[in-house]
Amino acid sequence: MNQERPWLQSYPAGVPAEIDVNEFRSVAAVFDTSVAKFRDRPAYSNFGKTLTYGETDALVSQFAAICWASCSSRKVIASR
């Protein structure tokens, strides 16, 4: 076990210990890529409810639309 990074032992096979931080330009880009690759797969599971990446994407879009519609100065909200 790695004493400095003990969590690595919990990683499933094939999950790298290091990532390329320049691969994506933003967290939104990571999310969009994940949705494209894993749309029908589980993204989150909590309290007996599971959301797929596709369902999460739809909820994110709905929330963004609500924020956009209720924002008095739309200049502060940047689009993905």
PDB file of N, CA and C in Angstrom:
ATOM      1  N   MET A   1       0.843  -1.183   0.000  1.00  0.00           N
ATOM      2  CA  MET A   1       0.000   0.000   0.000  1.00  0.00           C
ATOM      3  C   MET A   1       0.886   1.243   0.000  1.00  0.00           C
ATOM      4  N   ASN A   2       0.481   2.221  -0.753  1.00  0.00           N
ATOM      5  CA  ASN A   2       1.179   3.492  -0.820  1.00  0.00           C
ATOM      6  C   ASN A   2       0.807   4.311   0.416  1.00  0.00           C
ATOM      7  N   GLN A   3       1.772   4.594   1.269  1.00  0.00           N
ATOM      8  CA  GLN A   3       1.507   5.327   2.513  1.00  0.00           C
ATOM      9  C   GLN A   3       1.073   6.768   2.258  1.00  0.00           C
ATOM     10  N   GLU A   4       1.548   7.373   1.168  1.00  0.00           N
ATOM     11  CA  GLU A   4       1.205   8.752   0.878  1.00  0.00           C
ATOM     12  C   GLU A   4      -0.161   8.890   0.212  1.00  0.00           C
ATOM     13  N   ARG A   5      -0.586   7.850  -0.503  1.00  0.00           N
ATOM     14  CA  ARG A   5      -1.880   7.892  -1.216  1.00  0.00           C
ATOM     15  C   ARG A   5      -2.603   6.550  -1.055  1.00  0.00           C
ATOM     16  N   PRO A   6      -3.082   6.271   0.167  1.00  0.00           N
ATOM     17  CA  PRO A   6      -3.689   4.964   0.440  1.00  0.00           C
ATOM     18  C   PRO A   6      -4.967   4.701  -0.351  1.00  0.00           C
ATOM     19  N   TRP A   7      -5.618   5.745  -0.863  1.00  0.00           N
ATOM     20  CA  TRP A   7      -6.857   5.575  -1.621  1.00  0.00           C
ATOM     21  C   TRP A   7      -6.645   4.836  -2.937  1.00  0.00           C
ATOM     22  N   LEU A   8      -5.412   4.827  -3.430  1.00  0.00           N
ATOM     23  CA  LEU A   8      -5.140   4.169  -4.714  1.00  0.00           C
ATOM     24  C   LEU A   8      -5.471   2.683  -4.680  1.00  0.00           C
ATOM     25  N   GLN A   9      -5.385   2.064  -3.529  1.00  0.00           N
ATOM     26  CA  GLN A   9      -5.712   0.636  -3.439  1.00  0.00           C
ATOM     27  C   GLN A   9      -7.187   0.367  -3.691  1.00  0.00           C
ATOM     28  N   SER A  10      -8.010   1.396  -3.592  1.00  0.00           N
ATOM     29  CA  SER A  10      -9.454   1.243  -3.820  1.00  0.00           C
ATOM     30  C   SER A  10      -9.851   1.452  -5.271  1.00  0.00           C
ATOM     31  N   TYR A  11      -8.927   1.920  -6.101  1.00  0.00           N
ATOM     32  CA  TYR A  11      -9.234   2.168  -7.510  1.00  0.00           C
ATOM     33  C   TYR A  11      -9.479   0.852  -8.238  1.00  0.00           C
ATOM     34  N   PRO A  12     -10.531   0.761  -9.047  1.00  0.00           N
ATOM     35  CA  PRO A  12     -10.743  -0.442  -9.856  1.00  0.00           C
ATOM     36  C   PRO A  12      -9.631  -0.593 -10.900  1.00  0.00           C
ATOM     37  N   ALA A  13      -9.473  -1.796 -11.391  1.00  0.00           N
ATOM     38  CA  ALA A  13      -8.475  -2.050 -12.429  1.00  0.00           C
ATOM     39  C   ALA A  13      -8.734  -1.146 -13.626  1.00  0.00           C
ATOM     40  N   GLY A  14      -7.676  -0.572 -14.167  1.00  0.00           N
ATOM     41  CA  GLY A  14      -7.799   0.283 -15.338  1.00  0.00           C
ATOM     42  C   GLY A  14      -7.953   1.766 -15.026  1.00  0.00           C
ATOM     43  N   VAL A  15      -8.156   2.118 -13.753  1.00  0.00           N
ATOM     44  CA  VAL A  15      -8.272   3.530 -13.373  1.00  0.00           C
ATOM     45  C   VAL A  15      -6.875   4.046 -13.064  1.00  0.00           C
ATOM     46  N   PRO A  16      -6.414   5.047 -13.801  1.00  0.00           N
ATOM     47  CA  PRO A  16      -5.049   5.527 -13.598  1.00  0.00           C
ATOM     48  C   PRO A  16      -4.887   6.285 -12.282  1.00  0.00           C
ATOM     49  N   ALA A  17      -3.695   6.220 -11.727  1.00  0.00           N
ATOM     50  CA  ALA A  17      -3.387   6.950 -10.498  1.00  0.00           C
ATOM     51  C   ALA A  17      -3.124   8.420 -10.796  1.00  0.00           C
ATOM     52  N   GLU A  18      -2.735   8.720 -12.015  1.00  0.00           N
ATOM     53  CA  GLU A  18      -2.444  10.090 -12.440  1.00  0.00           C
ATOM     54  C   GLU A  18      -3.342  10.445 -13.620  1.00  0.00           C
ATOM     55  N   ILE A  19      -3.663  11.721 -13.770  1.00  0.00           N
ATOM     56  CA  ILE A  19      -4.467  12.176 -14.896  1.00  0.00           C
ATOM     57  C   ILE A  19      -3.736  13.293 -15.626  1.00  0.00           C
ATOM     58  N   ASP A  20      -4.121  13.503 -16.861  1.00  0.00           N
ATOM     59  CA  ASP A  20      -3.596  14.613 -17.644  1.00  0.00           C
ATOM     60  C   ASP A  20      -4.479  15.825 -17.371  1.00  0.00           C
ATOM     61  N   VAL A  21      -3.981  16.769 -16.594  1.00  0.00           N
ATOM     62  CA  VAL A  21      -4.789  17.923 -16.207  1.00  0.00           C
ATOM     63  C   VAL A  21      -5.077  18.859 -17.378  1.00  0.00           C
ATOM     64  N   ASN A  22      -4.396  18.669 -18.478  1.00  0.00           N
ATOM     65  CA  ASN A  22      -4.617  19.513 -19.657  1.00  0.00           C
ATOM     66  C   ASN A  22      -5.564  18.878 -20.677  1.00  0.00           C
ATOM     67  N   GLU A  23      -6.084  17.691 -20.364  1.00  0.00           N
ATOM     68  CA  GLU A  23      -6.955  16.986 -21.301  1.00  0.00           C
ATOM     69  C   GLU A  23      -8.268  17.726 -21.542  1.00  0.00           C
ATOM     70  N   PHE A  24      -8.786  18.390 -20.522  1.00  0.00           N
ATOM     71  CA  PHE A  24     -10.055  19.104 -20.623  1.00  0.00           C
ATOM     72  C   PHE A  24      -9.862  20.564 -20.230  1.00  0.00           C
ATOM     73  N   ARG A  25     -10.632  21.440 -20.870  1.00  0.00           N
ATOM     74  CA  ARG A  25     -10.482  22.866 -20.592  1.00  0.00           C
ATOM     75  C   ARG A  25     -11.274  23.319 -19.378  1.00  0.00           C
ATOM     76  N   SER A  26     -12.228  22.489 -18.930  1.00  0.00           N
ATOM     77  CA  SER A  26     -13.059  22.872 -17.784  1.00  0.00           C
ATOM     78  C   SER A  26     -13.742  21.641 -17.198  1.00  0.00           C
ATOM     79  N   VAL A  27     -14.349  21.819 -16.045  1.00  0.00           N
ATOM     80  CA  VAL A  27     -15.143  20.753 -15.426  1.00  0.00           C
ATOM     81  C   VAL A  27     -16.347  20.444 -16.307  1.00  0.00           C
ATOM     82  N   ALA A  28     -16.913  21.476 -16.926  1.00  0.00           N
ATOM     83  CA  ALA A  28     -18.048  21.269 -17.836  1.00  0.00           C
ATOM     84  C   ALA A  28     -17.645  20.383 -19.010  1.00  0.00           C
ATOM     85  N   ALA A  29     -16.428  20.533 -19.494  1.00  0.00           N
ATOM     86  CA  ALA A  29     -15.953  19.693 -20.601  1.00  0.00           C
ATOM     87  C   ALA A  29     -15.808  18.240 -20.162  1.00  0.00           C
ATOM     88  N   VAL A  30     -15.364  18.024 -18.935  1.00  0.00           N
ATOM     89  CA  VAL A  30     -15.283  16.659 -18.390  1.00  0.00           C
ATOM     90  C   VAL A  30     -16.684  16.058 -18.334  1.00  0.00           C
ATOM     91  N   PHE A  31     -17.628  16.829 -17.829  1.00  0.00           N
ATOM     92  CA  PHE A  31     -19.005  16.355 -17.718  1.00  0.00           C
ATOM     93  C   PHE A  31     -19.595  16.043 -19.088  1.00  0.00           C
ATOM     94  N   ASP A  32     -19.441  16.951 -20.040  1.00  0.00           N
ATOM     95  CA  ASP A  32     -19.993  16.740 -21.384  1.00  0.00           C
ATOM     96  C   ASP A  32     -19.414  15.491 -22.046  1.00  0.00           C
ATOM     97  N   THR A  33     -18.119  15.281 -21.878  1.00  0.00           N
ATOM     98  CA  THR A  33     -17.475  14.089 -22.439  1.00  0.00           C
ATOM     99  C   THR A  33     -18.008  12.825 -21.766  1.00  0.00           C
ATOM    100  N   SER A  34     -18.190  12.890 -20.458  1.00  0.00           N
ATOM    101  CA  SER A  34     -18.719  11.736 -19.717  1.00  0.00           C
ATOM    102  C   SER A  34     -20.144  11.413 -20.140  1.00  0.00           C
ATOM    103  N   VAL A  35     -20.955  12.441 -20.338  1.00  0.00           N
ATOM    104  CA  VAL A  35     -22.328  12.225 -20.802  1.00  0.00           C
ATOM    105  C   VAL A  35     -22.326  11.567 -22.178  1.00  0.00           C
ATOM    106  N   ALA A  36     -21.472  12.039 -23.063  1.00  0.00           N
ATOM    107  CA  ALA A  36     -21.400  11.465 -24.414  1.00  0.00           C
ATOM    108  C   ALA A  36     -20.975   9.997 -24.385  1.00  0.00           C
ATOM    109  N   LYS A  37     -20.066   9.661 -23.499  1.00  0.00           N
ATOM    110  CA  LYS A  37     -19.551   8.293 -23.439  1.00  0.00           C
ATOM    111  C   LYS A  37     -20.435   7.343 -22.641  1.00  0.00           C
ATOM    112  N   PHE A  38     -21.089   7.859 -21.591  1.00  0.00           N
ATOM    113  CA  PHE A  38     -21.775   6.988 -20.634  1.00  0.00           C
ATOM    114  C   PHE A  38     -23.232   7.359 -20.401  1.00  0.00           C
ATOM    115  N   ARG A  39     -23.901   7.924 -21.388  1.00  0.00           N
ATOM    116  CA  ARG A  39     -25.258   8.466 -21.243  1.00  0.00           C
ATOM    117  C   ARG A  39     -26.214   7.552 -20.468  1.00  0.00           C
ATOM    118  N   ASP A  40     -26.208   6.265 -20.722  1.00  0.00           N
ATOM    119  CA  ASP A  40     -27.166   5.350 -20.098  1.00  0.00           C
ATOM    120  C   ASP A  40     -26.635   4.659 -18.849  1.00  0.00           C
ATOM    121  N   ARG A  41     -25.436   5.013 -18.445  1.00  0.00           N
ATOM    122  CA  ARG A  41     -24.841   4.375 -17.265  1.00  0.00           C
ATOM    123  C   ARG A  41     -25.094   5.210 -16.013  1.00  0.00           C
ATOM    124  N   PRO A  42     -25.076   4.572 -14.849  1.00  0.00           N
ATOM    125  CA  PRO A  42     -25.286   5.305 -13.599  1.00  0.00           C
ATOM    126  C   PRO A  42     -24.187   6.343 -13.356  1.00  0.00           C
ATOM    127  N   ALA A  43     -24.595   7.533 -12.979  1.00  0.00           N
ATOM    128  CA  ALA A  43     -23.646   8.588 -12.639  1.00  0.00           C
ATOM    129  C   ALA A  43     -23.617   8.799 -11.126  1.00  0.00           C
ATOM    130  N   TYR A  44     -24.782   8.783 -10.504  1.00  0.00           N
ATOM    131  CA  TYR A  44     -24.920   9.018  -9.069  1.00  0.00           C
ATOM    132  C   TYR A  44     -25.943   8.058  -8.492  1.00  0.00           C
ATOM    133  N   SER A  45     -25.697   7.641  -7.272  1.00  0.00           N
ATOM    134  CA  SER A  45     -26.654   6.802  -6.566  1.00  0.00           C
ATOM    135  C   SER A  45     -26.657   7.229  -5.105  1.00  0.00           C
ATOM    136  N   ASN A  46     -27.857   7.549  -4.594  1.00  0.00           N
ATOM    137  CA  ASN A  46     -27.965   8.017  -3.220  1.00  0.00           C
ATOM    138  C   ASN A  46     -29.396   7.804  -2.739  1.00  0.00           C
ATOM    139  N   PHE A  47     -29.534   7.352  -1.504  1.00  0.00           N
ATOM    140  CA  PHE A  47     -30.845   7.132  -0.898  1.00  0.00           C
ATOM    141  C   PHE A  47     -31.756   6.284  -1.782  1.00  0.00           C
ATOM    142  N   GLY A  48     -31.183   5.285  -2.430  1.00  0.00           N
ATOM    143  CA  GLY A  48     -31.974   4.366  -3.236  1.00  0.00           C
ATOM    144  C   GLY A  48     -32.352   4.869  -4.614  1.00  0.00           C
ATOM    145  N   LYS A  49     -31.921   6.044  -4.975  1.00  0.00           N
ATOM    146  CA  LYS A  49     -32.215   6.623  -6.297  1.00  0.00           C
ATOM    147  C   LYS A  49     -30.923   6.688  -7.102  1.00  0.00           C
ATOM    148  N   THR A  50     -30.996   6.251  -8.340  1.00  0.00           N
ATOM    149  CA  THR A  50     -29.840   6.301  -9.226  1.00  0.00           C
ATOM    150  C   THR A  50     -30.175   7.164 -10.435  1.00  0.00           C
ATOM    151  N   LEU A  51     -29.262   8.059 -10.770  1.00  0.00           N
ATOM    152  CA  LEU A  51     -29.401   8.908 -11.959  1.00  0.00           C
ATOM    153  C   LEU A  51     -28.333   8.523 -12.969  1.00  0.00           C
ATOM    154  N   THR A  52     -28.746   8.391 -14.216  1.00  0.00           N
ATOM    155  CA  THR A  52     -27.773   8.131 -15.274  1.00  0.00           C
ATOM    156  C   THR A  52     -27.107   9.447 -15.665  1.00  0.00           C
ATOM    157  N   TYR A  53     -26.045   9.343 -16.446  1.00  0.00           N
ATOM    158  CA  TYR A  53     -25.402  10.552 -16.951  1.00  0.00           C
ATOM    159  C   TYR A  53     -26.382  11.364 -17.798  1.00  0.00           C
ATOM    160  N   GLY A  54     -27.203  10.684 -18.579  1.00  0.00           N
ATOM    161  CA  GLY A  54     -28.185  11.377 -19.405  1.00  0.00           C
ATOM    162  C   GLY A  54     -29.220  12.110 -18.578  1.00  0.00           C
ATOM    163  N   GLU A  55     -29.720  11.463 -17.532  1.00  0.00           N
ATOM    164  CA  GLU A  55     -30.689  12.114 -16.644  1.00  0.00           C
ATOM    165  C   GLU A  55     -30.056  13.310 -15.933  1.00  0.00           C
ATOM    166  N   THR A  56     -28.818  13.140 -15.513  1.00  0.00           N
ATOM    167  CA  THR A  56     -28.106  14.231 -14.854  1.00  0.00           C
ATOM    168  C   THR A  56     -27.915  15.396 -15.807  1.00  0.00           C
ATOM    169  N   ASP A  57     -27.583  15.105 -17.056  1.00  0.00           N
ATOM    170  CA  ASP A  57     -27.413  16.141 -18.065  1.00  0.00           C
ATOM    171  C   ASP A  57     -28.712  16.932 -18.254  1.00  0.00           C
ATOM    172  N   ALA A  58     -29.829  16.227 -18.303  1.00  0.00           N
ATOM    173  CA  ALA A  58     -31.124  16.900 -18.467  1.00  0.00           C
ATOM    174  C   ALA A  58     -31.428  17.796 -17.266  1.00  0.00           C
ATOM    175  N   LEU A  59     -31.137  17.312 -16.063  1.00  0.00           N
ATOM    176  CA  LEU A  59     -31.378  18.111 -14.858  1.00  0.00           C
ATOM    177  C   LEU A  59     -30.465  19.338 -14.818  1.00  0.00           C
ATOM    178  N   VAL A  60     -29.219  19.161 -15.217  1.00  0.00           N
ATOM    179  CA  VAL A  60     -28.282  20.289 -15.264  1.00  0.00           C
ATOM    180  C   VAL A  60     -28.785  21.339 -16.248  1.00  0.00           C
ATOM    181  N   SER A  61     -29.260  20.902 -17.404  1.00  0.00           N
ATOM    182  CA  SER A  61     -29.784  21.840 -18.411  1.00  0.00           C
ATOM    183  C   SER A  61     -31.015  22.579 -17.896  1.00  0.00           C
ATOM    184  N   GLN A  62     -31.899  21.858 -17.205  1.00  0.00           N
ATOM    185  CA  GLN A  62     -33.086  22.500 -16.635  1.00  0.00           C
ATOM    186  C   GLN A  62     -32.701  23.529 -15.579  1.00  0.00           C
ATOM    187  N   PHE A  63     -31.756  23.183 -14.727  1.00  0.00           N
ATOM    188  CA  PHE A  63     -31.312  24.106 -13.681  1.00  0.00           C
ATOM    189  C   PHE A  63     -30.662  25.345 -14.296  1.00  0.00           C
ATOM    190  N   ALA A  64     -29.837  25.135 -15.322  1.00  0.00           N
ATOM    191  CA  ALA A  64     -29.195  26.267 -15.995  1.00  0.00           C
ATOM    192  C   ALA A  64     -30.238  27.192 -16.623  1.00  0.00           C
ATOM    193  N   ALA A  65     -31.276  26.608 -17.211  1.00  0.00           N
ATOM    194  CA  ALA A  65     -32.334  27.408 -17.830  1.00  0.00           C
ATOM    195  C   ALA A  65     -33.074  28.240 -16.777  1.00  0.00           C
ATOM    196  N   ILE A  66     -33.325  27.635 -15.620  1.00  0.00           N
ATOM    197  CA  ILE A  66     -33.990  28.362 -14.530  1.00  0.00           C
ATOM    198  C   ILE A  66     -33.109  29.514 -14.052  1.00  0.00           C
ATOM    199  N   CYS A  67     -31.816  29.226 -13.885  1.00  0.00           N
ATOM    200  CA  CYS A  67     -30.884  30.274 -13.448  1.00  0.00           C
ATOM    201  C   CYS A  67     -30.833  31.399 -14.473  1.00  0.00           C
ATOM    202  N   TRP A  68     -30.767  31.029 -15.738  1.00  0.00           N
ATOM    203  CA  TRP A  68     -30.695  32.023 -16.818  1.00  0.00           C
ATOM    204  C   TRP A  68     -31.954  32.884 -16.847  1.00  0.00           C
ATOM    205  N   ALA A  69     -33.090  32.239 -16.717  1.00  0.00           N
ATOM    206  CA  ALA A  69     -34.356  32.966 -16.779  1.00  0.00           C
ATOM    207  C   ALA A  69     -34.546  33.899 -15.583  1.00  0.00           C
ATOM    208  N   SER A  70     -34.004  33.531 -14.452  1.00  0.00           N
ATOM    209  CA  SER A  70     -34.217  34.333 -13.250  1.00  0.00           C
ATOM    210  C   SER A  70     -33.095  35.337 -12.981  1.00  0.00           C
ATOM    211  N   CYS A  71     -32.074  35.311 -13.808  1.00  0.00           N
ATOM    212  CA  CYS A  71     -30.937  36.209 -13.612  1.00  0.00           C
ATOM    213  C   CYS A  71     -31.248  37.586 -14.196  1.00  0.00           C
ATOM    214  N   SER A  72     -31.089  38.600 -13.377  1.00  0.00           N
ATOM    215  CA  SER A  72     -31.390  39.944 -13.869  1.00  0.00           C
ATOM    216  C   SER A  72     -30.297  40.478 -14.777  1.00  0.00           C
ATOM    217  N   SER A  73     -29.076  40.016 -14.571  1.00  0.00           N
ATOM    218  CA  SER A  73     -27.968  40.432 -15.432  1.00  0.00           C
ATOM    219  C   SER A  73     -27.351  39.185 -16.030  1.00  0.00           C
ATOM    220  N   ARG A  74     -27.798  38.825 -17.208  1.00  0.00           N
ATOM    221  CA  ARG A  74     -27.367  37.572 -17.827  1.00  0.00           C
ATOM    222  C   ARG A  74     -25.889  37.550 -18.197  1.00  0.00           C
ATOM    223  N   LYS A  75     -25.220  38.657 -18.075  1.00  0.00           N
ATOM    224  CA  LYS A  75     -23.801  38.710 -18.400  1.00  0.00           C
ATOM    225  C   LYS A  75     -22.956  37.917 -17.422  1.00  0.00           C
ATOM    226  N   VAL A  76     -23.460  37.680 -16.209  1.00  0.00           N
ATOM    227  CA  VAL A  76     -22.662  36.988 -15.197  1.00  0.00           C
ATOM    228  C   VAL A  76     -22.651  35.480 -15.379  1.00  0.00           C
ATOM    229  N   ILE A  77     -23.543  34.946 -16.180  1.00  0.00           N
ATOM    230  CA  ILE A  77     -23.617  33.492 -16.382  1.00  0.00           C
ATOM    231  C   ILE A  77     -22.955  33.165 -17.720  1.00  0.00           C
ATOM    232  N   ALA A  78     -21.888  32.393 -17.647  1.00  0.00           N
ATOM    233  CA  ALA A  78     -21.175  31.999 -18.867  1.00  0.00           C
ATOM    234  C   ALA A  78     -21.760  30.688 -19.374  1.00  0.00           C
ATOM    235  N   SER A  79     -21.837  30.557 -20.678  1.00  0.00           N
ATOM    236  CA  SER A  79     -22.326  29.313 -21.254  1.00  0.00           C
ATOM    237  C   SER A  79     -21.196  28.304 -21.314  1.00  0.00           C
ATOM    238  N   ARG A  80     -21.577  27.026 -21.425  1.00  0.00           N
ATOM    239  CA  ARG A  80     -20.572  25.969 -21.551  1.00  0.00           C
ATOM    240  C   ARG A  80     -19.963  26.129 -22.879  1.00  0.00           C
TER     241      ARG A  80
END
